[in-house]
Every structure is written in structure tokens, then in C-alpha cells.
């Protein structure tokens, strides 16, 4: 996230909005939520833009952000 804040504040704000949406509903909403397969089975992603994805894991009582830069 620090990279985004330094180099692209607009995208950083979009990522914050996506994270808020994930907290509200991890499986629906903006960013086209997609259930991942294979090595990332059990994780989800949302589009930040054409190149980058927010990748996260839904645990019992929290959300773990795995990546918010590049494509999984």
C-alpha cells in the first residue's frame, strides 16, 4: 500500500474503497469479486485496474490482504 500512496494516490484511494467494500461484503460488490483457484484456492480478488488486483483471504472474523499490486 505504501508504494501506491507514494506513486499513485488516486489508485491508493481506490484500494481503500475496495477494502471497505470487502469488509462490508467479501463476496459481492465493486471490483468484480472473483474466487481464485489452484495455488490461491480459498482466496478472492477484485480488480483495482486492468493490470492490478486486490487479493484477499476471508477468515472467520477478519480479512487478510495478500496483495494489492500486480496480477496474482
PDB file of N, CA and C in Angstrom:
ATOM      1  N   UNK A   1       0.829  -1.190   0.000  1.00  0.00           N
ATOM      2  CA  UNK A   1       0.000   0.000   0.000  1.00  0.00           C
ATOM      3  C   UNK A   1       0.871   1.251   0.000  1.00  0.00           C
ATOM      4  N   UNK A   2       2.012   1.173   0.666  1.00  0.00           N
ATOM      5  CA  UNK A   2       2.911   2.327   0.734  1.00  0.00           C
ATOM      6  C   UNK A   2       3.362   2.757  -0.663  1.00  0.00           C
ATOM      7  N   UNK A   3       3.593   1.783  -1.547  1.00  0.00           N
ATOM      8  CA  UNK A   3       4.002   2.110  -2.911  1.00  0.00           C
ATOM      9  C   UNK A   3       2.927   2.945  -3.597  1.00  0.00           C
ATOM     10  N   UNK A   4       1.669   2.539  -3.449  1.00  0.00           N
ATOM     11  CA  UNK A   4       0.570   3.266  -4.082  1.00  0.00           C
ATOM     12  C   UNK A   4       0.461   4.682  -3.542  1.00  0.00           C
ATOM     13  N   UNK A   5       0.582   4.843  -2.236  1.00  0.00           N
ATOM     14  CA  UNK A   5       0.474   6.178  -1.634  1.00  0.00           C
ATOM     15  C   UNK A   5       1.560   7.091  -2.196  1.00  0.00           C
ATOM     16  N   UNK A   6       2.754   6.545  -2.371  1.00  0.00           N
ATOM     17  CA  UNK A   6       3.862   7.358  -2.869  1.00  0.00           C
ATOM     18  C   UNK A   6       3.755   7.661  -4.359  1.00  0.00           C
ATOM     19  N   UNK A   7       3.339   6.673  -5.164  1.00  0.00           N
ATOM     20  CA  UNK A   7       3.403   6.831  -6.614  1.00  0.00           C
ATOM     21  C   UNK A   7       2.067   7.076  -7.310  1.00  0.00           C
ATOM     22  N   UNK A   8       0.957   6.738  -6.698  1.00  0.00           N
ATOM     23  CA  UNK A   8      -0.342   6.920  -7.355  1.00  0.00           C
ATOM     24  C   UNK A   8      -1.447   7.025  -6.302  1.00  0.00           C
ATOM     25  N   UNK A   9      -1.609   8.218  -5.774  1.00  0.00           N
ATOM     26  CA  UNK A   9      -2.594   8.427  -4.697  1.00  0.00           C
ATOM     27  C   UNK A   9      -4.024   8.098  -5.133  1.00  0.00           C
ATOM     28  N   UNK A  10      -4.337   8.348  -6.384  1.00  0.00           N
ATOM     29  CA  UNK A  10      -5.692   8.057  -6.876  1.00  0.00           C
ATOM     30  C   UNK A  10      -5.981   6.560  -6.761  1.00  0.00           C
ATOM     31  N   UNK A  11      -5.033   5.733  -7.159  1.00  0.00           N
ATOM     32  CA  UNK A  11      -5.212   4.287  -7.032  1.00  0.00           C
ATOM     33  C   UNK A  11      -5.233   3.875  -5.560  1.00  0.00           C
ATOM     34  N   UNK A  12      -4.434   4.527  -4.725  1.00  0.00           N
ATOM     35  CA  UNK A  12      -4.436   4.222  -3.291  1.00  0.00           C
ATOM     36  C   UNK A  12      -5.833   4.446  -2.711  1.00  0.00           C
ATOM     37  N   UNK A  13      -6.470   5.524  -3.105  1.00  0.00           N
ATOM     38  CA  UNK A  13      -7.831   5.801  -2.629  1.00  0.00           C
ATOM     39  C   UNK A  13      -8.812   4.750  -3.138  1.00  0.00           C
ATOM     40  N   UNK A  14      -8.623   4.298  -4.370  1.00  0.00           N
ATOM     41  CA  UNK A  14      -9.485   3.247  -4.917  1.00  0.00           C
ATOM     42  C   UNK A  14      -9.301   1.947  -4.135  1.00  0.00           C
ATOM     43  N   UNK A  15      -8.063   1.628  -3.774  1.00  0.00           N
ATOM     44  CA  UNK A  15      -7.788   0.418  -2.994  1.00  0.00           C
ATOM     45  C   UNK A  15      -8.456   0.502  -1.631  1.00  0.00           C
ATOM     46  N   UNK A  16      -8.391   1.659  -1.003  1.00  0.00           N
ATOM     47  CA  UNK A  16      -9.058   1.844   0.292  1.00  0.00           C
ATOM     48  C   UNK A  16     -10.555   1.609   0.144  1.00  0.00           C
ATOM     49  N   UNK A  17     -11.139   2.132  -0.928  1.00  0.00           N
ATOM     50  CA  UNK A  17     -12.570   1.930  -1.181  1.00  0.00           C
ATOM     51  C   UNK A  17     -12.884   0.446  -1.385  1.00  0.00           C
ATOM     52  N   UNK A  18     -12.018  -0.261  -2.124  1.00  0.00           N
ATOM     53  CA  UNK A  18     -12.212  -1.702  -2.323  1.00  0.00           C
ATOM     54  C   UNK A  18     -12.132  -2.454  -0.996  1.00  0.00           C
ATOM     55  N   UNK A  19     -11.174  -2.095  -0.154  1.00  0.00           N
ATOM     56  CA  UNK A  19     -11.028  -2.759   1.145  1.00  0.00           C
ATOM     57  C   UNK A  19     -12.266  -2.522   2.001  1.00  0.00           C
ATOM     58  N   UNK A  20     -12.789  -1.309   1.981  1.00  0.00           N
ATOM     59  CA  UNK A  20     -14.020  -1.026   2.729  1.00  0.00           C
ATOM     60  C   UNK A  20     -15.170  -1.874   2.212  1.00  0.00           C
ATOM     61  N   UNK A  21     -15.240  -2.035   0.908  1.00  0.00           N
ATOM     62  CA  UNK A  21     -16.290  -2.859   0.305  1.00  0.00           C
ATOM     63  C   UNK A  21     -16.118  -4.329   0.699  1.00  0.00           C
ATOM     64  N   UNK A  22     -14.879  -4.806   0.730  1.00  0.00           N
ATOM     65  CA  UNK A  22     -14.596  -6.185   1.145  1.00  0.00           C
ATOM     66  C   UNK A  22     -15.040  -6.393   2.591  1.00  0.00           C
ATOM     67  N   UNK A  23     -14.796  -5.416   3.440  1.00  0.00           N
ATOM     68  CA  UNK A  23     -15.219  -5.518   4.840  1.00  0.00           C
ATOM     69  C   UNK A  23     -16.737  -5.582   4.948  1.00  0.00           C
ATOM     70  N   UNK A  24     -17.424  -4.864   4.084  1.00  0.00           N
ATOM     71  CA  UNK A  24     -18.888  -4.855   4.099  1.00  0.00           C
ATOM     72  C   UNK A  24     -19.440  -6.185   3.597  1.00  0.00           C
ATOM     73  N   UNK A  25     -18.914  -6.654   2.451  1.00  0.00           N
ATOM     74  CA  UNK A  25     -19.348  -7.930   1.867  1.00  0.00           C
ATOM     75  C   UNK A  25     -18.191  -8.489   1.046  1.00  0.00           C
ATOM     76  N   UNK A  26     -17.501  -9.514   1.543  1.00  0.00           N
ATOM     77  CA  UNK A  26     -16.311 -10.033   0.874  1.00  0.00           C
ATOM     78  C   UNK A  26     -16.564 -10.680  -0.489  1.00  0.00           C
ATOM     79  N   UNK A  27     -17.803 -11.039  -0.781  1.00  0.00           N
ATOM     80  CA  UNK A  27     -18.078 -11.851  -1.962  1.00  0.00           C
ATOM     81  C   UNK A  27     -18.858 -11.138  -3.063  1.00  0.00           C
ATOM     82  N   UNK A  28     -19.317  -9.914  -2.821  1.00  0.00           N
ATOM     83  CA  UNK A  28     -20.087  -9.156  -3.810  1.00  0.00           C
ATOM     84  C   UNK A  28     -19.672  -7.702  -3.748  1.00  0.00           C
ATOM     85  N   UNK A  29     -19.983  -6.962  -4.826  1.00  0.00           N
ATOM     86  CA  UNK A  29     -19.741  -5.530  -4.818  1.00  0.00           C
ATOM     87  C   UNK A  29     -18.831  -5.088  -5.946  1.00  0.00           C
ATOM     88  N   UNK A  30     -18.205  -3.939  -5.753  1.00  0.00           N
ATOM     89  CA  UNK A  30     -17.377  -3.339  -6.795  1.00  0.00           C
ATOM     90  C   UNK A  30     -16.079  -4.121  -6.990  1.00  0.00           C
ATOM     91  N   UNK A  31     -15.467  -3.962  -8.147  1.00  0.00           N
ATOM     92  CA  UNK A  31     -14.189  -4.598  -8.434  1.00  0.00           C
ATOM     93  C   UNK A  31     -14.294  -6.008  -8.983  1.00  0.00           C
ATOM     94  N   UNK A  32     -15.483  -6.437  -9.320  1.00  0.00           N
ATOM     95  CA  UNK A  32     -15.722  -7.782  -9.873  1.00  0.00           C
ATOM     96  C   UNK A  32     -15.070  -8.882  -9.030  1.00  0.00           C
ATOM     97  N   UNK A  33     -15.586  -9.147  -7.842  1.00  0.00           N
ATOM     98  CA  UNK A  33     -15.006 -10.193  -6.990  1.00  0.00           C
ATOM     99  C   UNK A  33     -14.941 -11.532  -7.721  1.00  0.00           C
ATOM    100  N   UNK A  34     -13.800 -12.193  -7.587  1.00  0.00           N
ATOM    101  CA  UNK A  34     -13.583 -13.468  -8.267  1.00  0.00           C
ATOM    102  C   UNK A  34     -12.945 -14.454  -7.292  1.00  0.00           C
ATOM    103  N   UNK A  35     -13.560 -15.615  -7.147  1.00  0.00           N
ATOM    104  CA  UNK A  35     -12.998 -16.673  -6.312  1.00  0.00           C
ATOM    105  C   UNK A  35     -11.827 -17.294  -7.065  1.00  0.00           C
ATOM    106  N   UNK A  36     -10.673 -17.367  -6.412  1.00  0.00           N
ATOM    107  CA  UNK A  36      -9.472 -17.868  -7.071  1.00  0.00           C
ATOM    108  C   UNK A  36      -9.349 -19.379  -6.937  1.00  0.00           C
ATOM    109  N   UNK A  37      -8.548 -19.957  -7.817  1.00  0.00           N
ATOM    110  CA  UNK A  37      -8.379 -21.414  -7.871  1.00  0.00           C
ATOM    111  C   UNK A  37      -6.903 -21.771  -7.735  1.00  0.00           C
ATOM    112  N   UNK A  38      -6.639 -23.051  -7.744  1.00  0.00           N
ATOM    113  CA  UNK A  38      -5.288 -23.619  -7.754  1.00  0.00           C
ATOM    114  C   UNK A  38      -4.504 -23.191  -6.511  1.00  0.00           C
ATOM    115  N   UNK A  39      -3.327 -22.584  -6.680  1.00  0.00           N
ATOM    116  CA  UNK A  39      -2.478 -22.223  -5.541  1.00  0.00           C
ATOM    117  C   UNK A  39      -3.151 -21.223  -4.601  1.00  0.00           C
ATOM    118  N   UNK A  40      -4.051 -20.424  -5.117  1.00  0.00           N
ATOM    119  CA  UNK A  40      -4.735 -19.418  -4.302  1.00  0.00           C
ATOM    120  C   UNK A  40      -6.172 -19.826  -3.981  1.00  0.00           C
ATOM    121  N   UNK A  41      -6.438 -21.100  -4.023  1.00  0.00           N
ATOM    122  CA  UNK A  41      -7.769 -21.608  -3.692  1.00  0.00           C
ATOM    123  C   UNK A  41      -8.177 -21.139  -2.299  1.00  0.00           C
ATOM    124  N   UNK A  42      -9.392 -20.649  -2.191  1.00  0.00           N
ATOM    125  CA  UNK A  42      -9.877 -20.112  -0.924  1.00  0.00           C
ATOM    126  C   UNK A  42      -9.715 -18.609  -0.813  1.00  0.00           C
ATOM    127  N   UNK A  43      -8.991 -18.019  -1.756  1.00  0.00           N
ATOM    128  CA  UNK A  43      -8.792 -16.570  -1.768  1.00  0.00           C
ATOM    129  C   UNK A  43      -9.696 -15.933  -2.823  1.00  0.00           C
ATOM    130  N   UNK A  44      -9.819 -14.633  -2.733  1.00  0.00           N
ATOM    131  CA  UNK A  44     -10.632 -13.858  -3.663  1.00  0.00           C
ATOM    132  C   UNK A  44      -9.807 -12.712  -4.221  1.00  0.00           C
ATOM    133  N   UNK A  45     -10.226 -12.183  -5.363  1.00  0.00           N
ATOM    134  CA  UNK A  45      -9.574 -10.993  -5.915  1.00  0.00           C
ATOM    135  C   UNK A  45     -10.633 -10.007  -6.392  1.00  0.00           C
ATOM    136  N   UNK A  46     -10.225  -8.756  -6.435  1.00  0.00           N
ATOM    137  CA  UNK A  46     -11.031  -7.682  -7.023  1.00  0.00           C
ATOM    138  C   UNK A  46     -10.117  -6.841  -7.890  1.00  0.00           C
ATOM    139  N   UNK A  47     -10.662  -6.320  -8.971  1.00  0.00           N
ATOM    140  CA  UNK A  47      -9.877  -5.507  -9.893  1.00  0.00           C
ATOM    141  C   UNK A  47      -9.637  -4.115  -9.323  1.00  0.00           C
ATOM    142  N   UNK A  48      -8.372  -3.732  -9.292  1.00  0.00           N
ATOM    143  CA  UNK A  48      -8.011  -2.347  -8.998  1.00  0.00           C
ATOM    144  C   UNK A  48      -8.030  -1.585 -10.322  1.00  0.00           C
ATOM    145  N   UNK A  49      -7.384  -2.172 -11.318  1.00  0.00           N
ATOM    146  CA  UNK A  49      -7.409  -1.660 -12.688  1.00  0.00           C
ATOM    147  C   UNK A  49      -7.084  -2.825 -13.622  1.00  0.00           C
ATOM    148  N   UNK A  50      -6.788  -2.533 -14.867  1.00  0.00           N
ATOM    149  CA  UNK A  50      -6.554  -3.593 -15.850  1.00  0.00           C
ATOM    150  C   UNK A  50      -5.379  -4.497 -15.462  1.00  0.00           C
ATOM    151  N   UNK A  51      -4.371  -3.930 -14.823  1.00  0.00           N
ATOM    152  CA  UNK A  51      -3.150  -4.675 -14.500  1.00  0.00           C
ATOM    153  C   UNK A  51      -3.113  -5.219 -13.074  1.00  0.00           C
ATOM    154  N   UNK A  52      -3.710  -4.537 -12.117  1.00  0.00           N
ATOM    155  CA  UNK A  52      -3.525  -4.845 -10.698  1.00  0.00           C
ATOM    156  C   UNK A  52      -4.789  -5.402 -10.046  1.00  0.00           C
ATOM    157  N   UNK A  53      -4.580  -6.282  -9.067  1.00  0.00           N
ATOM    158  CA  UNK A  53      -5.682  -6.905  -8.330  1.00  0.00           C
ATOM    159  C   UNK A  53      -5.457  -6.784  -6.830  1.00  0.00           C
ATOM    160  N   UNK A  54      -6.545  -6.653  -6.101  1.00  0.00           N
ATOM    161  CA  UNK A  54      -6.539  -6.776  -4.647  1.00  0.00           C
ATOM    162  C   UNK A  54      -6.849  -8.239  -4.359  1.00  0.00           C
ATOM    163  N   UNK A  55      -5.913  -8.951  -3.743  1.00  0.00           N
ATOM    164  CA  UNK A  55      -6.091 -10.367  -3.436  1.00  0.00           C
ATOM    165  C   UNK A  55      -6.229 -10.491  -1.927  1.00  0.00           C
ATOM    166  N   UNK A  56      -7.271 -11.198  -1.485  1.00  0.00           N
ATOM    167  CA  UNK A  56      -7.536 -11.306  -0.053  1.00  0.00           C
ATOM    168  C   UNK A  56      -8.089 -12.674   0.299  1.00  0.00           C
ATOM    169  N   UNK A  57      -7.982 -12.979   1.580  1.00  0.00           N
ATOM    170  CA  UNK A  57      -8.482 -14.236   2.119  1.00  0.00           C
ATOM    171  C   UNK A  57      -9.495 -13.909   3.207  1.00  0.00           C
ATOM    172  N   UNK A  58     -10.618 -14.584   3.182  1.00  0.00           N
ATOM    173  CA  UNK A  58     -11.663 -14.374   4.182  1.00  0.00           C
ATOM    174  C   UNK A  58     -11.478 -15.410   5.284  1.00  0.00           C
ATOM    175  N   UNK A  59     -11.181 -14.937   6.489  1.00  0.00           N
ATOM    176  CA  UNK A  59     -11.045 -15.803   7.653  1.00  0.00           C
ATOM    177  C   UNK A  59     -12.315 -15.690   8.487  1.00  0.00           C
ATOM    178  N   UNK A  60     -12.404 -16.401   9.578  1.00  0.00           N
ATOM    179  CA  UNK A  60     -13.632 -16.406  10.385  1.00  0.00           C
ATOM    180  C   UNK A  60     -14.075 -15.009  10.796  1.00  0.00           C
ATOM    181  N   UNK A  61     -13.153 -14.236  11.348  1.00  0.00           N
ATOM    182  CA  UNK A  61     -13.539 -12.932  11.889  1.00  0.00           C
ATOM    183  C   UNK A  61     -12.728 -11.775  11.318  1.00  0.00           C
ATOM    184  N   UNK A  62     -11.990 -12.022  10.228  1.00  0.00           N
ATOM    185  CA  UNK A  62     -11.201 -10.943   9.630  1.00  0.00           C
ATOM    186  C   UNK A  62     -10.897 -11.235   8.165  1.00  0.00           C
ATOM    187  N   UNK A  63     -10.383 -10.212   7.507  1.00  0.00           N
ATOM    188  CA  UNK A  63      -9.968 -10.297   6.115  1.00  0.00           C
ATOM    189  C   UNK A  63      -8.452 -10.111   6.090  1.00  0.00           C
ATOM    190  N   UNK A  64      -7.745 -11.011   5.417  1.00  0.00           N
ATOM    191  CA  UNK A  64      -6.290 -10.890   5.281  1.00  0.00           C
ATOM    192  C   UNK A  64      -5.987 -10.457   3.854  1.00  0.00           C
ATOM    193  N   UNK A  65      -5.359  -9.287   3.702  1.00  0.00           N
ATOM    194  CA  UNK A  65      -4.970  -8.784   2.389  1.00  0.00           C
ATOM    195  C   UNK A  65      -3.631  -9.424   2.024  1.00  0.00           C
ATOM    196  N   UNK A  66      -3.597 -10.124   0.897  1.00  0.00           N
ATOM    197  CA  UNK A  66      -2.378 -10.803   0.465  1.00  0.00           C
ATOM    198  C   UNK A  66      -1.572  -9.967  -0.524  1.00  0.00           C
ATOM    199  N   UNK A  67      -2.267  -9.180  -1.332  1.00  0.00           N
ATOM    200  CA  UNK A  67      -1.583  -8.407  -2.363  1.00  0.00           C
ATOM    201  C   UNK A  67      -2.497  -7.290  -2.854  1.00  0.00           C
ATOM    202  N   UNK A  68      -1.893  -6.164  -3.202  1.00  0.00           N
ATOM    203  CA  UNK A  68      -2.684  -5.090  -3.818  1.00  0.00           C
ATOM    204  C   UNK A  68      -1.898  -4.444  -4.959  1.00  0.00           C
ATOM    205  N   UNK A  69      -0.990  -5.229  -5.523  1.00  0.00           N
ATOM    206  CA  UNK A  69      -0.215  -4.736  -6.659  1.00  0.00           C
ATOM    207  C   UNK A  69       0.114  -5.911  -7.567  1.00  0.00           C
ATOM    208  N   UNK A  70       0.032  -5.693  -8.840  1.00  0.00           N
ATOM    209  CA  UNK A  70       0.248  -6.705  -9.878  1.00  0.00           C
ATOM    210  C   UNK A  70      -0.940  -7.651  -9.966  1.00  0.00           C
ATOM    211  N   UNK A  71      -0.850  -8.570 -10.877  1.00  0.00           N
ATOM    212  CA  UNK A  71      -1.891  -9.574 -11.110  1.00  0.00           C
ATOM    213  C   UNK A  71      -1.451 -10.827 -10.388  1.00  0.00           C
ATOM    214  N   UNK A  72      -2.367 -11.501  -9.681  1.00  0.00           N
ATOM    215  CA  UNK A  72      -1.999 -12.663  -8.878  1.00  0.00           C
ATOM    216  C   UNK A  72      -1.019 -13.540  -9.583  1.00  0.00           C
TER     217      UNK A  72
END
